[in-house]
Amino acid sequence: MSEQIPDYFKYNKENDNKYSKKKHYELAAIEKDWPFTPEKYGYHPVDHFTGCWRGFHCLYEMDDLQLLLKSFCVTLDCSVASPPDLNGVSGKKGYGGFWEYKQVNLPLGYSGGIILCDELVGQDYLFGGYERMHHFRDVVELRFENGIVTSKIDHSDMMKEIRGFTDLSFLEQEELVVDYFSLYSNKWINYYMR
């Protein structure tokens, strides 16, 4: 099974009232339906590439406190010679048959929570999804109202604590994470699902 390309989120994490360099977090969980779906904008992704069964992947970013779709890559049927523009940006044919849309900067009006993860730690785990938050060093939860960040919670220390429970089995550690993020039960993003 090919590792799937996740959606990434470029975000400045606050450290001692200073921002670190923007990092590319993996979008791991979402509370509600995501406001950007390719079909809504006239795209019909196909899965030409084993590493992207969904047929698309995105980079999201925070511009100050506003949530933006920064870039979008999509594979389309071979008969599509000229796909539609996205927020005034034309797609360019890229690597692996993807149409690439860069610097889209499309504001998104999402209301709800998301969880971002970065820097896999510990053993090399094979992921069948991204529900295993405690395998990442940095875990951040953001809450939005109409696309504007209203709160940020850093869960990294709690995930480190859960990793430290070495007397627990793999499944018992996972159950702790699910209980801890009860708001997101059954809301984890699984990029292996079509």
N, C-alpha and C. Protein backbone atom coordinates (compact mmCIF):
# COMPACT_ATOMS: atom_id res chain seq x y z
N MET A 1 0.84 -1.18 0.00
CA MET A 1 0.00 0.00 0.00
C MET A 1 0.89 1.24 0.00
N SER A 2 0.63 2.16 -0.92
CA SER A 2 1.42 3.38 -1.01
C SER A 2 1.03 4.36 0.09
N GLU A 3 2.03 5.02 0.65
CA GLU A 3 1.77 6.09 1.60
C GLU A 3 1.01 7.20 0.88
N GLN A 4 -0.06 7.69 1.47
CA GLN A 4 -0.89 8.71 0.83
C GLN A 4 -0.39 10.12 1.13
N ILE A 5 -0.57 11.01 0.17
CA ILE A 5 -0.19 12.42 0.35
C ILE A 5 -1.27 13.07 1.21
N PRO A 6 -0.91 13.57 2.39
CA PRO A 6 -1.92 14.24 3.23
C PRO A 6 -2.09 15.69 2.80
N ASP A 7 -3.10 16.34 3.33
CA ASP A 7 -3.20 17.78 3.21
C ASP A 7 -2.25 18.38 4.24
N TYR A 8 -1.60 19.45 3.87
CA TYR A 8 -0.68 20.13 4.79
C TYR A 8 -1.23 21.48 5.17
N PHE A 9 -0.73 21.96 6.28
CA PHE A 9 -1.20 23.22 6.84
C PHE A 9 0.02 24.00 7.29
N LYS A 10 0.26 25.14 6.67
CA LYS A 10 1.41 25.98 7.04
C LYS A 10 0.96 26.91 8.16
N TYR A 11 1.64 26.78 9.31
CA TYR A 11 1.16 27.47 10.51
C TYR A 11 2.33 27.87 11.39
N ASN A 12 2.25 29.06 11.95
CA ASN A 12 3.24 29.52 12.93
C ASN A 12 2.79 29.11 14.31
N LYS A 13 3.57 28.26 14.96
CA LYS A 13 3.28 27.87 16.33
C LYS A 13 3.93 28.87 17.27
N GLU A 14 3.19 29.33 18.26
CA GLU A 14 3.74 30.31 19.20
C GLU A 14 4.63 29.63 20.23
N ASN A 15 5.80 30.20 20.44
CA ASN A 15 6.73 29.74 21.48
C ASN A 15 7.20 30.94 22.28
N ASP A 16 6.83 31.01 23.55
CA ASP A 16 7.25 32.11 24.42
C ASP A 16 6.98 33.47 23.78
N ASN A 17 5.74 33.66 23.31
CA ASN A 17 5.31 34.91 22.69
C ASN A 17 6.05 35.26 21.41
N LYS A 18 6.77 34.32 20.83
CA LYS A 18 7.43 34.53 19.55
C LYS A 18 6.97 33.43 18.61
N TYR A 19 6.96 33.75 17.34
CA TYR A 19 6.58 32.74 16.35
C TYR A 19 7.81 32.00 15.87
N SER A 20 7.67 30.68 15.76
CA SER A 20 8.70 29.90 15.11
C SER A 20 8.46 30.01 13.61
N LYS A 21 9.41 29.54 12.83
CA LYS A 21 9.23 29.53 11.38
C LYS A 21 7.99 28.72 11.04
N LYS A 22 7.27 29.17 10.02
CA LYS A 22 6.08 28.42 9.63
C LYS A 22 6.46 27.00 9.29
N LYS A 23 5.69 26.06 9.83
CA LYS A 23 5.94 24.64 9.61
C LYS A 23 4.80 24.06 8.80
N HIS A 24 5.08 22.98 8.12
CA HIS A 24 4.06 22.26 7.38
C HIS A 24 3.53 21.13 8.26
N TYR A 25 2.41 21.36 8.90
CA TYR A 25 1.75 20.34 9.70
C TYR A 25 0.88 19.47 8.81
N GLU A 26 0.67 18.23 9.23
CA GLU A 26 -0.30 17.38 8.55
C GLU A 26 -1.67 17.65 9.16
N LEU A 27 -2.65 17.81 8.32
CA LEU A 27 -4.02 17.97 8.79
C LEU A 27 -4.50 16.59 9.22
N ALA A 28 -4.73 16.41 10.51
CA ALA A 28 -4.98 15.08 11.06
C ALA A 28 -6.44 14.82 11.41
N ALA A 29 -7.16 15.84 11.84
CA ALA A 29 -8.55 15.64 12.24
C ALA A 29 -9.32 16.93 12.01
N ILE A 30 -10.60 16.74 11.75
CA ILE A 30 -11.46 17.91 11.54
C ILE A 30 -12.82 17.62 12.16
N GLU A 31 -13.36 18.62 12.80
CA GLU A 31 -14.61 18.45 13.54
C GLU A 31 -15.83 18.38 12.60
N LYS A 32 -15.85 19.20 11.58
CA LYS A 32 -17.00 19.29 10.67
C LYS A 32 -16.53 19.09 9.24
N ASP A 33 -17.47 19.12 8.32
CA ASP A 33 -17.10 18.98 6.91
C ASP A 33 -16.20 20.14 6.50
N TRP A 34 -15.16 19.81 5.74
CA TRP A 34 -14.21 20.81 5.28
C TRP A 34 -14.85 21.67 4.20
N PRO A 35 -14.64 23.00 4.23
CA PRO A 35 -15.33 23.88 3.27
C PRO A 35 -14.76 23.82 1.86
N PHE A 36 -13.54 23.29 1.67
CA PHE A 36 -13.01 23.19 0.31
C PHE A 36 -13.15 21.77 -0.19
N THR A 37 -14.03 21.60 -1.15
CA THR A 37 -14.14 20.34 -1.86
C THR A 37 -13.99 20.66 -3.34
N PRO A 38 -13.14 19.92 -4.06
CA PRO A 38 -12.89 20.25 -5.46
C PRO A 38 -14.15 20.32 -6.32
N GLU A 39 -15.11 19.42 -6.07
CA GLU A 39 -16.33 19.39 -6.88
C GLU A 39 -17.10 20.71 -6.80
N LYS A 40 -17.07 21.35 -5.66
CA LYS A 40 -17.76 22.63 -5.48
C LYS A 40 -17.22 23.70 -6.42
N TYR A 41 -15.96 23.53 -6.85
CA TYR A 41 -15.31 24.52 -7.71
C TYR A 41 -15.16 24.01 -9.15
N GLY A 42 -15.84 22.91 -9.49
CA GLY A 42 -15.86 22.43 -10.86
C GLY A 42 -14.80 21.41 -11.22
N TYR A 43 -14.12 20.83 -10.22
CA TYR A 43 -13.09 19.82 -10.46
C TYR A 43 -13.63 18.45 -10.08
N HIS A 44 -13.26 17.45 -10.86
CA HIS A 44 -13.69 16.08 -10.59
C HIS A 44 -12.43 15.20 -10.56
N PRO A 45 -11.79 15.11 -9.38
CA PRO A 45 -10.52 14.37 -9.26
C PRO A 45 -10.66 12.89 -9.60
N VAL A 46 -9.61 12.34 -10.19
CA VAL A 46 -9.51 10.91 -10.45
C VAL A 46 -8.23 10.40 -9.81
N ASP A 47 -8.21 9.12 -9.50
CA ASP A 47 -7.06 8.56 -8.78
C ASP A 47 -6.06 7.88 -9.72
N HIS A 48 -5.36 8.68 -10.52
CA HIS A 48 -4.33 8.17 -11.44
C HIS A 48 -3.05 7.77 -10.72
N PHE A 49 -2.88 8.19 -9.49
CA PHE A 49 -1.61 8.06 -8.78
C PHE A 49 -1.84 7.28 -7.50
N THR A 50 -1.08 6.18 -7.29
CA THR A 50 -1.31 5.31 -6.12
C THR A 50 -1.06 6.01 -4.79
N GLY A 51 -0.30 7.09 -4.80
CA GLY A 51 -0.03 7.82 -3.57
C GLY A 51 -1.06 8.89 -3.26
N CYS A 52 -2.13 8.97 -4.08
CA CYS A 52 -3.16 9.99 -3.85
C CYS A 52 -4.49 9.46 -4.39
N TRP A 53 -5.09 8.54 -3.66
CA TRP A 53 -6.35 7.94 -4.09
C TRP A 53 -7.48 8.96 -4.21
N ARG A 54 -7.40 10.03 -3.43
CA ARG A 54 -8.45 11.05 -3.50
C ARG A 54 -8.38 11.84 -4.81
N GLY A 55 -7.20 11.83 -5.43
CA GLY A 55 -7.01 12.57 -6.67
C GLY A 55 -6.66 14.02 -6.48
N PHE A 56 -6.44 14.46 -5.25
CA PHE A 56 -6.04 15.85 -5.00
C PHE A 56 -5.37 15.95 -3.63
N HIS A 57 -4.63 17.01 -3.44
CA HIS A 57 -4.11 17.37 -2.12
C HIS A 57 -3.95 18.88 -2.06
N CYS A 58 -3.95 19.40 -0.84
CA CYS A 58 -3.99 20.84 -0.64
C CYS A 58 -2.95 21.30 0.38
N LEU A 59 -2.58 22.56 0.26
CA LEU A 59 -1.80 23.25 1.28
C LEU A 59 -2.65 24.41 1.78
N TYR A 60 -2.92 24.41 3.07
CA TYR A 60 -3.67 25.49 3.71
C TYR A 60 -2.69 26.35 4.48
N GLU A 61 -3.08 27.59 4.74
CA GLU A 61 -2.18 28.49 5.46
C GLU A 61 -2.99 29.51 6.23
N MET A 62 -2.36 30.03 7.27
CA MET A 62 -2.96 31.12 8.03
C MET A 62 -2.33 32.42 7.54
N ASP A 63 -3.16 33.37 7.15
CA ASP A 63 -2.71 34.72 6.82
C ASP A 63 -3.22 35.59 7.96
N ASP A 64 -2.31 35.90 8.89
CA ASP A 64 -2.69 36.51 10.16
C ASP A 64 -3.61 35.51 10.84
N LEU A 65 -4.89 35.77 10.97
CA LEU A 65 -5.80 34.82 11.61
C LEU A 65 -6.76 34.17 10.62
N GLN A 66 -6.68 34.53 9.33
CA GLN A 66 -7.60 34.03 8.30
C GLN A 66 -7.10 32.73 7.69
N LEU A 67 -7.99 31.75 7.58
CA LEU A 67 -7.69 30.47 6.95
C LEU A 67 -7.78 30.61 5.43
N LEU A 68 -6.72 30.17 4.74
CA LEU A 68 -6.66 30.25 3.28
C LEU A 68 -6.32 28.89 2.68
N LEU A 69 -6.85 28.64 1.49
CA LEU A 69 -6.33 27.57 0.64
C LEU A 69 -5.19 28.20 -0.12
N LYS A 70 -3.97 27.75 0.17
CA LYS A 70 -2.77 28.35 -0.44
C LYS A 70 -2.48 27.74 -1.80
N SER A 71 -2.49 26.40 -1.90
CA SER A 71 -2.27 25.75 -3.18
C SER A 71 -3.09 24.47 -3.25
N PHE A 72 -3.27 24.01 -4.49
CA PHE A 72 -4.16 22.89 -4.76
C PHE A 72 -3.57 22.10 -5.93
N CYS A 73 -3.45 20.78 -5.76
CA CYS A 73 -2.98 19.90 -6.83
C CYS A 73 -4.06 18.84 -7.06
N VAL A 74 -4.40 18.62 -8.33
CA VAL A 74 -5.49 17.71 -8.65
C VAL A 74 -5.17 16.92 -9.91
N THR A 75 -5.53 15.64 -9.93
CA THR A 75 -5.44 14.85 -11.16
C THR A 75 -6.85 14.76 -11.74
N LEU A 76 -6.93 15.01 -13.05
CA LEU A 76 -8.21 15.04 -13.74
C LEU A 76 -8.20 14.02 -14.87
N ASP A 77 -9.35 13.73 -15.38
CA ASP A 77 -9.46 12.82 -16.52
C ASP A 77 -8.61 13.36 -17.67
N CYS A 78 -8.00 12.46 -18.42
CA CYS A 78 -7.11 12.86 -19.53
C CYS A 78 -7.80 13.72 -20.57
N SER A 79 -9.12 13.63 -20.66
CA SER A 79 -9.86 14.42 -21.65
C SER A 79 -9.95 15.90 -21.27
N VAL A 80 -9.60 16.25 -20.01
CA VAL A 80 -9.66 17.65 -19.58
C VAL A 80 -8.39 18.35 -20.05
N ALA A 81 -8.53 19.23 -21.03
CA ALA A 81 -7.38 19.94 -21.60
C ALA A 81 -7.12 21.26 -20.90
N SER A 82 -8.18 21.86 -20.37
CA SER A 82 -8.03 23.17 -19.73
C SER A 82 -9.02 23.27 -18.57
N PRO A 83 -8.58 22.89 -17.36
CA PRO A 83 -9.50 22.95 -16.22
C PRO A 83 -9.79 24.40 -15.82
N PRO A 84 -10.84 24.60 -15.04
CA PRO A 84 -11.21 25.96 -14.65
C PRO A 84 -10.15 26.61 -13.75
N ASP A 85 -10.14 27.94 -13.77
CA ASP A 85 -9.28 28.70 -12.85
C ASP A 85 -9.83 28.55 -11.44
N LEU A 86 -8.96 28.76 -10.46
CA LEU A 86 -9.36 28.72 -9.05
C LEU A 86 -8.96 30.04 -8.41
N ASN A 87 -9.95 30.83 -8.03
CA ASN A 87 -9.72 32.14 -7.43
C ASN A 87 -8.83 33.01 -8.33
N GLY A 88 -9.06 32.91 -9.66
CA GLY A 88 -8.31 33.70 -10.61
C GLY A 88 -6.95 33.13 -11.00
N VAL A 89 -6.61 31.94 -10.50
CA VAL A 89 -5.32 31.31 -10.78
C VAL A 89 -5.52 30.16 -11.76
N SER A 90 -4.72 30.16 -12.82
CA SER A 90 -4.78 29.07 -13.81
C SER A 90 -3.90 27.91 -13.35
N GLY A 91 -4.36 26.70 -13.66
CA GLY A 91 -3.58 25.52 -13.33
C GLY A 91 -2.49 25.28 -14.36
N LYS A 92 -1.38 24.71 -13.89
CA LYS A 92 -0.28 24.33 -14.77
C LYS A 92 -0.04 22.84 -14.61
N LYS A 93 0.19 22.17 -15.74
CA LYS A 93 0.45 20.73 -15.72
C LYS A 93 1.75 20.48 -14.98
N GLY A 94 1.72 19.60 -13.98
CA GLY A 94 2.89 19.35 -13.15
C GLY A 94 3.27 17.89 -13.11
N TYR A 95 4.10 17.55 -12.18
CA TYR A 95 4.63 16.20 -11.98
C TYR A 95 3.51 15.21 -11.70
N GLY A 96 3.62 14.02 -12.28
CA GLY A 96 2.69 12.93 -12.00
C GLY A 96 1.30 13.13 -12.54
N GLY A 97 1.13 14.06 -13.51
CA GLY A 97 -0.18 14.30 -14.09
C GLY A 97 -1.05 15.24 -13.28
N PHE A 98 -0.52 15.81 -12.21
CA PHE A 98 -1.28 16.76 -11.40
C PHE A 98 -1.37 18.12 -12.11
N TRP A 99 -2.51 18.75 -12.00
CA TRP A 99 -2.66 20.16 -12.34
C TRP A 99 -2.35 20.92 -11.05
N GLU A 100 -1.43 21.87 -11.10
CA GLU A 100 -0.99 22.60 -9.91
C GLU A 100 -1.52 24.03 -9.94
N TYR A 101 -2.09 24.42 -8.82
CA TYR A 101 -2.59 25.78 -8.63
C TYR A 101 -1.84 26.36 -7.43
N LYS A 102 -0.95 27.31 -7.71
CA LYS A 102 -0.13 27.88 -6.63
C LYS A 102 -0.56 29.32 -6.35
N GLN A 103 -0.34 29.73 -5.12
CA GLN A 103 -0.69 31.09 -4.68
C GLN A 103 -2.17 31.39 -4.93
N VAL A 104 -3.02 30.42 -4.63
CA VAL A 104 -4.46 30.57 -4.82
C VAL A 104 -5.03 31.58 -3.82
N ASN A 105 -4.61 31.47 -2.55
CA ASN A 105 -5.03 32.40 -1.49
C ASN A 105 -6.54 32.57 -1.40
N LEU A 106 -7.24 31.45 -1.44
CA LEU A 106 -8.70 31.47 -1.37
C LEU A 106 -9.13 31.45 0.09
N PRO A 107 -9.78 32.52 0.58
CA PRO A 107 -10.28 32.52 1.96
C PRO A 107 -11.35 31.45 2.15
N LEU A 108 -11.27 30.73 3.26
CA LEU A 108 -12.24 29.67 3.57
C LEU A 108 -13.00 30.05 4.83
N GLY A 109 -14.30 29.85 4.80
CA GLY A 109 -15.14 30.26 5.92
C GLY A 109 -15.45 29.15 6.90
N TYR A 110 -14.48 28.30 7.22
CA TYR A 110 -14.71 27.16 8.10
C TYR A 110 -15.00 27.58 9.54
N SER A 111 -15.98 26.93 10.16
CA SER A 111 -16.27 27.10 11.59
C SER A 111 -16.20 25.72 12.23
N GLY A 112 -15.33 25.58 13.23
CA GLY A 112 -15.14 24.31 13.91
C GLY A 112 -13.69 24.12 14.27
N GLY A 113 -13.33 22.91 14.69
CA GLY A 113 -11.97 22.63 15.13
C GLY A 113 -11.22 21.76 14.14
N ILE A 114 -9.89 21.88 14.19
CA ILE A 114 -9.01 20.99 13.44
C ILE A 114 -7.83 20.63 14.34
N ILE A 115 -7.19 19.50 14.03
CA ILE A 115 -5.98 19.11 14.75
C ILE A 115 -4.87 18.93 13.73
N LEU A 116 -3.72 19.54 14.03
CA LEU A 116 -2.54 19.49 13.18
C LEU A 116 -1.44 18.73 13.89
N CYS A 117 -0.64 17.95 13.14
CA CYS A 117 0.46 17.18 13.72
C CYS A 117 1.73 17.38 12.90
N ASP A 118 2.87 17.30 13.60
CA ASP A 118 4.16 17.39 12.91
C ASP A 118 5.21 16.63 13.70
N GLU A 119 6.20 16.14 13.00
CA GLU A 119 7.39 15.47 13.53
C GLU A 119 7.08 14.15 14.23
N LEU A 120 7.04 13.12 13.42
CA LEU A 120 6.85 11.77 13.92
C LEU A 120 7.99 11.41 14.86
N VAL A 121 7.67 10.85 16.02
CA VAL A 121 8.70 10.49 17.00
C VAL A 121 8.55 9.03 17.38
N GLY A 122 9.60 8.49 17.98
CA GLY A 122 9.55 7.11 18.44
C GLY A 122 9.78 6.14 17.31
N GLN A 123 9.15 4.98 17.43
CA GLN A 123 9.31 3.93 16.44
C GLN A 123 8.68 4.35 15.12
N ASP A 124 9.08 3.67 14.06
CA ASP A 124 8.46 3.89 12.76
C ASP A 124 7.17 3.11 12.71
N TYR A 125 6.07 3.82 12.79
CA TYR A 125 4.75 3.19 12.78
C TYR A 125 4.20 3.23 11.37
N LEU A 126 3.44 2.23 11.01
CA LEU A 126 2.74 2.22 9.73
C LEU A 126 1.34 2.75 10.00
N PHE A 127 1.01 3.85 9.38
CA PHE A 127 -0.28 4.48 9.62
C PHE A 127 -1.31 4.00 8.63
N GLY A 128 -2.48 3.66 9.14
CA GLY A 128 -3.61 3.33 8.29
C GLY A 128 -4.55 4.51 8.28
N GLY A 129 -4.13 5.60 8.82
CA GLY A 129 -4.88 6.84 8.96
C GLY A 129 -4.03 7.73 9.85
N TYR A 130 -4.63 8.76 10.40
CA TYR A 130 -3.84 9.69 11.20
C TYR A 130 -4.43 9.88 12.58
N GLU A 131 -5.06 8.80 13.11
CA GLU A 131 -5.68 8.89 14.43
C GLU A 131 -4.70 8.74 15.57
N ARG A 132 -3.44 8.44 15.28
CA ARG A 132 -2.46 8.16 16.33
C ARG A 132 -1.68 9.43 16.68
N MET A 133 -2.35 10.36 17.30
CA MET A 133 -1.76 11.68 17.59
C MET A 133 -0.52 11.59 18.47
N HIS A 134 -0.47 10.58 19.34
CA HIS A 134 0.64 10.50 20.29
C HIS A 134 1.94 10.07 19.62
N HIS A 135 1.94 9.77 18.34
CA HIS A 135 3.17 9.43 17.62
C HIS A 135 3.84 10.66 17.04
N PHE A 136 3.26 11.84 17.26
CA PHE A 136 3.82 13.08 16.76
C PHE A 136 4.29 13.96 17.91
N ARG A 137 5.39 14.67 17.68
CA ARG A 137 5.94 15.55 18.71
C ARG A 137 5.07 16.79 18.89
N ASP A 138 4.65 17.39 17.80
CA ASP A 138 3.84 18.62 17.87
C ASP A 138 2.40 18.31 17.48
N VAL A 139 1.48 18.62 18.39
CA VAL A 139 0.05 18.41 18.15
C VAL A 139 -0.67 19.68 18.60
N VAL A 140 -1.33 20.33 17.65
CA VAL A 140 -1.97 21.62 17.91
C VAL A 140 -3.43 21.55 17.47
N GLU A 141 -4.31 22.08 18.29
CA GLU A 141 -5.72 22.19 17.94
C GLU A 141 -6.05 23.65 17.72
N LEU A 142 -6.71 23.93 16.60
CA LEU A 142 -7.17 25.30 16.28
C LEU A 142 -8.68 25.28 16.15
N ARG A 143 -9.32 26.32 16.66
CA ARG A 143 -10.77 26.48 16.52
C ARG A 143 -11.02 27.74 15.69
N PHE A 144 -11.98 27.62 14.76
CA PHE A 144 -12.28 28.69 13.83
C PHE A 144 -13.74 29.11 13.92
N GLU A 145 -13.99 30.36 13.60
CA GLU A 145 -15.33 30.87 13.40
C GLU A 145 -15.30 31.67 12.11
N ASN A 146 -16.05 31.19 11.11
CA ASN A 146 -16.07 31.82 9.77
C ASN A 146 -14.67 32.05 9.22
N GLY A 147 -13.79 31.07 9.38
CA GLY A 147 -12.45 31.13 8.81
C GLY A 147 -11.43 31.89 9.62
N ILE A 148 -11.82 32.41 10.78
CA ILE A 148 -10.91 33.17 11.65
C ILE A 148 -10.60 32.34 12.89
N VAL A 149 -9.32 32.25 13.25
CA VAL A 149 -8.91 31.49 14.44
C VAL A 149 -9.43 32.18 15.69
N THR A 150 -10.13 31.41 16.53
CA THR A 150 -10.63 31.96 17.79
C THR A 150 -9.87 31.42 19.00
N SER A 151 -9.24 30.23 18.86
CA SER A 151 -8.44 29.70 19.96
C SER A 151 -7.43 28.69 19.44
N LYS A 152 -6.35 28.51 20.24
CA LYS A 152 -5.28 27.57 19.90
C LYS A 152 -4.94 26.80 21.18
N ILE A 153 -4.80 25.51 21.06
CA ILE A 153 -4.40 24.68 22.21
C ILE A 153 -3.26 23.78 21.76
N ASP A 154 -2.17 23.80 22.49
CA ASP A 154 -1.04 22.93 22.19
C ASP A 154 -1.17 21.67 23.04
N HIS A 155 -1.35 20.52 22.38
CA HIS A 155 -1.53 19.24 23.06
C HIS A 155 -0.24 18.41 23.07
N SER A 156 0.88 19.01 22.70
CA SER A 156 2.14 18.26 22.55
C SER A 156 2.58 17.60 23.84
N ASP A 157 2.49 18.30 24.96
CA ASP A 157 2.91 17.73 26.24
C ASP A 157 2.07 16.52 26.64
N MET A 158 0.76 16.60 26.39
CA MET A 158 -0.11 15.47 26.73
C MET A 158 0.22 14.26 25.85
N MET A 159 0.51 14.48 24.59
CA MET A 159 0.86 13.36 23.71
C MET A 159 2.19 12.74 24.13
N LYS A 160 3.11 13.56 24.60
CA LYS A 160 4.39 13.06 25.12
C LYS A 160 4.14 12.19 26.36
N GLU A 161 3.25 12.66 27.21
CA GLU A 161 2.92 11.90 28.42
C GLU A 161 2.32 10.54 28.05
N ILE A 162 1.42 10.52 27.08
CA ILE A 162 0.82 9.25 26.65
C ILE A 162 1.88 8.33 26.06
N ARG A 163 2.82 8.87 25.29
CA ARG A 163 3.92 8.05 24.76
C ARG A 163 4.75 7.44 25.88
N GLY A 164 4.81 8.13 27.02
CA GLY A 164 5.59 7.67 28.16
C GLY A 164 4.97 6.52 28.93
N PHE A 165 3.71 6.22 28.68
CA PHE A 165 3.05 5.11 29.35
C PHE A 165 3.46 3.81 28.67
N THR A 166 4.69 3.41 28.86
CA THR A 166 5.25 2.24 28.16
C THR A 166 4.66 0.92 28.65
N ASP A 167 4.02 0.94 29.82
CA ASP A 167 3.41 -0.29 30.32
C ASP A 167 2.06 -0.57 29.63
N LEU A 168 1.55 0.40 28.88
CA LEU A 168 0.29 0.21 28.16
C LEU A 168 0.56 -0.38 26.79
N SER A 169 -0.38 -1.15 26.31
CA SER A 169 -0.26 -1.71 24.96
C SER A 169 -0.51 -0.60 23.93
N PHE A 170 -0.19 -0.92 22.70
CA PHE A 170 -0.42 0.00 21.58
C PHE A 170 -1.88 0.44 21.54
N LEU A 171 -2.81 -0.51 21.66
CA LEU A 171 -4.23 -0.20 21.61
C LEU A 171 -4.69 0.61 22.82
N GLU A 172 -4.13 0.33 24.00
CA GLU A 172 -4.49 1.09 25.20
C GLU A 172 -4.04 2.54 25.07
N GLN A 173 -2.87 2.77 24.48
CA GLN A 173 -2.41 4.15 24.25
C GLN A 173 -3.36 4.86 23.28
N GLU A 174 -3.76 4.15 22.24
CA GLU A 174 -4.69 4.75 21.27
C GLU A 174 -6.02 5.10 21.92
N GLU A 175 -6.50 4.25 22.82
CA GLU A 175 -7.76 4.53 23.51
C GLU A 175 -7.64 5.80 24.36
N LEU A 176 -6.49 6.01 24.99
CA LEU A 176 -6.27 7.24 25.75
C LEU A 176 -6.39 8.47 24.85
N VAL A 177 -5.80 8.38 23.66
CA VAL A 177 -5.85 9.50 22.72
C VAL A 177 -7.29 9.76 22.30
N VAL A 178 -8.03 8.71 21.96
CA VAL A 178 -9.43 8.88 21.55
C VAL A 178 -10.23 9.50 22.68
N ASP A 179 -10.02 9.05 23.92
CA ASP A 179 -10.73 9.63 25.06
C ASP A 179 -10.35 11.10 25.27
N TYR A 180 -9.07 11.39 25.10
CA TYR A 180 -8.59 12.76 25.29
C TYR A 180 -9.20 13.70 24.26
N PHE A 181 -9.27 13.25 23.01
CA PHE A 181 -9.86 14.05 21.94
C PHE A 181 -11.28 13.60 21.66
N SER A 182 -12.10 13.46 22.70
CA SER A 182 -13.45 12.92 22.54
C SER A 182 -14.27 13.76 21.56
N LEU A 183 -13.99 15.04 21.46
CA LEU A 183 -14.69 15.91 20.53
C LEU A 183 -14.54 15.40 19.10
N TYR A 184 -13.42 14.73 18.84
CA TYR A 184 -13.11 14.31 17.48
C TYR A 184 -13.31 12.81 17.26
N SER A 185 -14.03 12.15 18.14
CA SER A 185 -14.28 10.71 17.95
C SER A 185 -14.86 10.48 16.56
N ASN A 186 -14.29 9.57 15.84
CA ASN A 186 -14.69 9.22 14.47
C ASN A 186 -14.57 10.39 13.50
N LYS A 187 -13.73 11.36 13.80
CA LYS A 187 -13.54 12.51 12.92
C LYS A 187 -12.12 12.56 12.36
N TRP A 188 -11.30 11.56 12.64
CA TRP A 188 -9.93 11.56 12.16
C TRP A 188 -9.91 11.41 10.66
N ILE A 189 -9.01 12.11 10.01
CA ILE A 189 -8.90 12.02 8.55
C ILE A 189 -8.16 10.76 8.18
N ASN A 190 -8.73 9.98 7.32
CA ASN A 190 -8.09 8.77 6.84
C ASN A 190 -7.91 8.90 5.33
N TYR A 191 -6.69 9.21 4.92
CA TYR A 191 -6.41 9.46 3.50
C TYR A 191 -6.41 8.18 2.69
N TYR A 192 -6.58 7.03 3.34
CA TYR A 192 -6.65 5.77 2.62
C TYR A 192 -8.07 5.46 2.16
N MET A 193 -9.02 6.21 2.70
CA MET A 193 -10.42 6.01 2.30
C MET A 193 -10.66 6.74 0.99
N ARG A 194 -11.41 6.13 0.13
CA ARG A 194 -11.73 6.77 -1.16
C ARG A 194 -13.07 7.46 -1.08
